[in-house]
N, C-alpha and C. Protein backbone atom coordinates (compact mmCIF):
# COMPACT_ATOMS: atom_id res chain seq x y z
N MET A 1 0.35 -16.07 15.80
CA MET A 1 -0.12 -14.87 16.46
C MET A 1 0.94 -13.78 16.43
N ILE A 2 2.18 -14.18 16.71
CA ILE A 2 3.26 -13.19 16.70
C ILE A 2 3.48 -12.66 15.29
N LYS A 3 3.31 -13.53 14.30
CA LYS A 3 3.45 -13.11 12.91
C LYS A 3 2.41 -12.05 12.56
N ASN A 4 1.17 -12.25 12.99
CA ASN A 4 0.12 -11.28 12.71
C ASN A 4 0.40 -9.94 13.39
N ILE A 5 0.88 -9.99 14.61
CA ILE A 5 1.22 -8.75 15.33
C ILE A 5 2.37 -8.04 14.64
N ALA A 6 3.36 -8.80 14.19
CA ALA A 6 4.50 -8.20 13.50
C ALA A 6 4.08 -7.54 12.19
N ILE A 7 3.16 -8.16 11.47
CA ILE A 7 2.69 -7.57 10.22
C ILE A 7 1.94 -6.27 10.48
N VAL A 8 1.08 -6.26 11.48
CA VAL A 8 0.32 -5.05 11.81
C VAL A 8 1.27 -3.95 12.26
N LEU A 9 2.25 -4.27 13.09
CA LEU A 9 3.21 -3.26 13.54
C LEU A 9 4.05 -2.73 12.38
N PHE A 10 4.44 -3.62 11.47
CA PHE A 10 5.21 -3.18 10.31
C PHE A 10 4.39 -2.22 9.45
N LEU A 11 3.13 -2.58 9.19
CA LEU A 11 2.27 -1.69 8.39
C LEU A 11 2.02 -0.37 9.10
N ARG A 12 1.92 -0.42 10.42
CA ARG A 12 1.68 0.80 11.20
C ARG A 12 2.89 1.72 11.16
N LEU A 13 4.10 1.14 11.12
CA LEU A 13 5.32 1.94 11.13
C LEU A 13 5.87 2.25 9.73
N LEU A 14 5.33 1.62 8.70
CA LEU A 14 5.85 1.80 7.35
C LEU A 14 5.88 3.25 6.89
N PRO A 15 4.82 4.05 7.05
CA PRO A 15 4.91 5.44 6.61
C PRO A 15 6.01 6.22 7.33
N THR A 16 6.18 5.97 8.62
CA THR A 16 7.22 6.67 9.38
C THR A 16 8.61 6.25 8.89
N LEU A 17 8.79 4.96 8.64
CA LEU A 17 10.08 4.49 8.14
C LEU A 17 10.40 5.09 6.77
N LEU A 18 9.40 5.13 5.89
CA LEU A 18 9.60 5.73 4.57
C LEU A 18 9.91 7.22 4.68
N TYR A 19 9.21 7.91 5.57
CA TYR A 19 9.46 9.34 5.77
C TYR A 19 10.88 9.58 6.28
N LEU A 20 11.29 8.81 7.27
CA LEU A 20 12.63 8.98 7.82
C LEU A 20 13.70 8.64 6.79
N PHE A 21 13.45 7.63 5.94
CA PHE A 21 14.39 7.29 4.87
C PHE A 21 14.48 8.42 3.86
N TRP A 22 13.32 8.98 3.47
CA TRP A 22 13.32 10.11 2.54
C TRP A 22 14.06 11.29 3.14
N LEU A 23 13.83 11.58 4.40
CA LEU A 23 14.49 12.70 5.07
C LEU A 23 16.00 12.51 5.10
N TRP A 24 16.44 11.30 5.37
CA TRP A 24 17.87 11.00 5.39
C TRP A 24 18.48 11.20 4.01
N LEU A 25 17.80 10.67 2.97
CA LEU A 25 18.31 10.83 1.60
C LEU A 25 18.33 12.30 1.18
N ALA A 26 17.28 13.04 1.49
CA ALA A 26 17.20 14.45 1.10
C ALA A 26 18.28 15.27 1.79
N ARG A 27 18.51 15.02 3.06
CA ARG A 27 19.55 15.77 3.78
C ARG A 27 20.94 15.40 3.29
N ARG A 28 21.15 14.15 2.98
CA ARG A 28 22.46 13.74 2.44
C ARG A 28 22.71 14.40 1.08
N HIS A 29 21.68 14.41 0.25
CA HIS A 29 21.79 15.04 -1.07
C HIS A 29 22.01 16.55 -0.94
N ALA A 30 21.30 17.18 -0.01
CA ALA A 30 21.46 18.63 0.21
C ALA A 30 22.85 18.93 0.75
N ALA A 31 23.39 18.09 1.61
CA ALA A 31 24.73 18.31 2.16
C ALA A 31 25.79 18.21 1.06
N GLN A 32 25.58 17.30 0.11
CA GLN A 32 26.54 17.16 -0.98
C GLN A 32 26.52 18.39 -1.89
N ARG A 33 25.36 18.99 -2.06
CA ARG A 33 25.25 20.17 -2.91
C ARG A 33 25.48 21.46 -2.16
N GLY A 34 25.50 21.42 -0.85
CA GLY A 34 25.71 22.62 -0.06
C GLY A 34 24.45 23.43 0.14
N ASN A 35 23.28 22.83 -0.05
CA ASN A 35 22.00 23.52 0.12
C ASN A 35 21.47 23.30 1.54
N ASN A 36 20.40 24.02 1.85
CA ASN A 36 19.72 23.79 3.13
C ASN A 36 18.97 22.48 3.06
N ALA A 37 18.98 21.73 4.15
CA ALA A 37 18.31 20.44 4.19
C ALA A 37 16.80 20.64 4.28
N PRO A 38 16.00 19.86 3.52
CA PRO A 38 14.55 19.96 3.63
C PRO A 38 14.05 19.25 4.87
N GLY A 39 12.79 19.46 5.18
CA GLY A 39 12.17 18.77 6.30
C GLY A 39 12.27 19.54 7.59
N PRO A 40 11.77 18.96 8.65
CA PRO A 40 11.77 19.64 9.95
C PRO A 40 13.18 19.75 10.52
N ASP A 41 13.34 20.75 11.38
CA ASP A 41 14.65 20.96 12.00
C ASP A 41 14.92 19.97 13.13
N SER A 42 13.89 19.50 13.78
CA SER A 42 14.09 18.54 14.86
C SER A 42 13.12 17.36 14.69
N PHE A 43 13.38 16.33 15.44
CA PHE A 43 12.57 15.12 15.38
C PHE A 43 11.14 15.40 15.85
N ARG A 44 10.97 16.34 16.75
CA ARG A 44 9.65 16.69 17.27
C ARG A 44 8.78 17.39 16.24
N ASP A 45 9.39 18.03 15.26
CA ASP A 45 8.64 18.80 14.27
C ASP A 45 8.13 17.95 13.11
N ALA A 46 8.40 16.67 13.13
CA ALA A 46 7.95 15.78 12.05
C ALA A 46 6.42 15.72 12.05
N PRO A 47 5.84 15.41 10.91
CA PRO A 47 4.35 15.35 10.81
C PRO A 47 3.80 14.06 11.40
N TRP A 48 3.89 13.92 12.71
CA TRP A 48 3.51 12.68 13.38
C TRP A 48 2.04 12.33 13.21
N LEU A 49 1.17 13.33 13.22
CA LEU A 49 -0.26 13.06 13.06
C LEU A 49 -0.53 12.43 11.70
N TRP A 50 0.03 12.99 10.64
CA TRP A 50 -0.20 12.45 9.31
C TRP A 50 0.47 11.09 9.11
N LEU A 51 1.61 10.90 9.71
CA LEU A 51 2.26 9.59 9.63
C LEU A 51 1.43 8.53 10.37
N SER A 52 0.85 8.90 11.49
CA SER A 52 0.00 7.97 12.24
C SER A 52 -1.26 7.64 11.47
N ILE A 53 -1.87 8.65 10.86
CA ILE A 53 -3.08 8.41 10.08
C ILE A 53 -2.77 7.52 8.88
N ALA A 54 -1.65 7.76 8.22
CA ALA A 54 -1.27 6.92 7.08
C ALA A 54 -1.02 5.48 7.51
N GLY A 55 -0.36 5.26 8.64
CA GLY A 55 -0.11 3.92 9.14
C GLY A 55 -1.40 3.22 9.51
N LEU A 56 -2.30 3.93 10.16
CA LEU A 56 -3.59 3.35 10.53
C LEU A 56 -4.39 3.00 9.28
N ALA A 57 -4.33 3.86 8.27
CA ALA A 57 -5.03 3.57 7.01
C ALA A 57 -4.48 2.32 6.34
N LEU A 58 -3.16 2.14 6.37
CA LEU A 58 -2.57 0.93 5.80
C LEU A 58 -3.04 -0.33 6.52
N VAL A 59 -3.12 -0.26 7.83
CA VAL A 59 -3.58 -1.42 8.61
C VAL A 59 -5.04 -1.73 8.27
N ILE A 60 -5.88 -0.71 8.19
CA ILE A 60 -7.30 -0.93 7.88
C ILE A 60 -7.46 -1.51 6.48
N VAL A 61 -6.75 -0.94 5.51
CA VAL A 61 -6.85 -1.44 4.14
C VAL A 61 -6.37 -2.88 4.06
N SER A 62 -5.30 -3.21 4.76
CA SER A 62 -4.79 -4.59 4.71
C SER A 62 -5.77 -5.56 5.37
N LEU A 63 -6.41 -5.15 6.46
CA LEU A 63 -7.39 -6.02 7.11
C LEU A 63 -8.63 -6.23 6.24
N LEU A 64 -9.03 -5.19 5.51
CA LEU A 64 -10.19 -5.33 4.64
C LEU A 64 -9.86 -6.09 3.35
N ALA A 65 -8.64 -5.94 2.85
CA ALA A 65 -8.27 -6.54 1.57
C ALA A 65 -7.84 -8.00 1.69
N THR A 66 -7.42 -8.43 2.85
CA THR A 66 -6.91 -9.80 3.00
C THR A 66 -7.92 -10.87 2.58
N PRO A 67 -9.16 -10.85 3.05
CA PRO A 67 -10.09 -11.89 2.61
C PRO A 67 -10.42 -11.80 1.12
N ILE A 68 -10.41 -10.60 0.57
CA ILE A 68 -10.70 -10.43 -0.85
C ILE A 68 -9.57 -11.01 -1.69
N VAL A 69 -8.35 -10.72 -1.32
CA VAL A 69 -7.20 -11.20 -2.09
C VAL A 69 -7.03 -12.71 -1.94
N LEU A 70 -7.18 -13.22 -0.75
CA LEU A 70 -6.99 -14.65 -0.52
C LEU A 70 -8.20 -15.47 -0.96
N ARG A 71 -9.33 -14.85 -1.12
CA ARG A 71 -10.57 -15.50 -1.54
C ARG A 71 -10.88 -16.74 -0.71
N GLU A 72 -10.77 -16.59 0.57
CA GLU A 72 -11.06 -17.72 1.46
C GLU A 72 -12.57 -17.84 1.65
N SER A 73 -13.07 -19.04 1.53
CA SER A 73 -14.48 -19.25 1.79
C SER A 73 -14.68 -19.46 3.28
N GLY A 74 -15.92 -19.38 3.71
CA GLY A 74 -16.22 -19.57 5.12
C GLY A 74 -16.13 -21.02 5.55
N ASN A 75 -16.12 -21.97 4.59
CA ASN A 75 -16.09 -23.39 4.92
C ASN A 75 -14.87 -24.03 4.27
N PRO A 76 -13.77 -24.18 5.01
CA PRO A 76 -12.57 -24.77 4.41
C PRO A 76 -12.66 -26.29 4.26
N GLY A 77 -13.67 -26.92 4.82
CA GLY A 77 -13.82 -28.37 4.73
C GLY A 77 -13.92 -29.00 6.10
N THR A 78 -13.84 -30.32 6.15
CA THR A 78 -13.92 -31.07 7.41
C THR A 78 -12.51 -31.23 7.96
N TYR A 79 -12.35 -30.88 9.23
CA TYR A 79 -11.03 -30.99 9.86
C TYR A 79 -10.76 -32.43 10.26
N ILE A 80 -9.62 -32.95 9.84
CA ILE A 80 -9.15 -34.28 10.22
C ILE A 80 -8.04 -34.09 11.24
N ALA A 81 -8.23 -34.60 12.43
CA ALA A 81 -7.25 -34.43 13.51
C ALA A 81 -5.96 -35.19 13.21
N PRO A 82 -4.85 -34.80 13.85
CA PRO A 82 -3.60 -35.55 13.66
C PRO A 82 -3.79 -37.01 14.06
N GLN A 83 -3.12 -37.90 13.32
CA GLN A 83 -3.27 -39.33 13.56
C GLN A 83 -1.91 -40.00 13.63
N TYR A 84 -1.85 -41.07 14.38
CA TYR A 84 -0.63 -41.87 14.51
C TYR A 84 -0.80 -43.14 13.70
N LYS A 85 -0.02 -43.26 12.59
CA LYS A 85 -0.11 -44.44 11.73
C LYS A 85 1.29 -44.92 11.36
N ASP A 86 1.51 -46.18 11.49
CA ASP A 86 2.77 -46.81 11.09
C ASP A 86 3.99 -46.13 11.71
N GLY A 87 3.89 -45.75 12.96
CA GLY A 87 5.02 -45.15 13.66
C GLY A 87 5.27 -43.70 13.31
N LYS A 88 4.38 -43.09 12.57
CA LYS A 88 4.54 -41.67 12.19
C LYS A 88 3.28 -40.90 12.57
N ILE A 89 3.48 -39.63 12.87
CA ILE A 89 2.35 -38.76 13.18
C ILE A 89 2.00 -38.00 11.91
N LEU A 90 0.77 -38.19 11.46
CA LEU A 90 0.27 -37.46 10.30
C LEU A 90 -0.35 -36.16 10.80
N PRO A 91 0.04 -35.02 10.27
CA PRO A 91 -0.50 -33.76 10.78
C PRO A 91 -1.98 -33.60 10.46
N GLY A 92 -2.62 -32.76 11.24
CA GLY A 92 -4.02 -32.47 10.99
C GLY A 92 -4.17 -31.68 9.69
N HIS A 93 -5.33 -31.82 9.07
CA HIS A 93 -5.56 -31.12 7.80
C HIS A 93 -7.07 -31.01 7.55
N TYR A 94 -7.40 -30.21 6.56
CA TYR A 94 -8.80 -30.06 6.15
C TYR A 94 -9.06 -30.93 4.93
N ASP A 95 -10.14 -31.67 4.96
CA ASP A 95 -10.52 -32.52 3.84
C ASP A 95 -11.68 -31.84 3.12
N LYS A 96 -11.44 -31.42 1.90
CA LYS A 96 -12.48 -30.73 1.13
C LYS A 96 -13.27 -31.75 0.33
N LYS A 97 -14.49 -32.00 0.78
CA LYS A 97 -15.36 -32.94 0.07
C LYS A 97 -16.57 -32.22 -0.43
């Protein structure tokens, strides 16, 4: 569950992280050349609406594409519960028959 939440949060923040990385690189490059730095003058002037829309679009696309890419069928098989045999616990698994 935590893994799924982390993936969704990462996809939601990815456009913002890429934008901030680009802004940092562009300002560093402009400082080396002595030019004016591109981008907004303050953190508040960043294109937050577009970054949010892009992050939301990534989450939606990933949620729609996951079943297509993984090609999971609706019936993974019969579930076999964990069992105790010969002093060892055998984990539960799906038996595809």
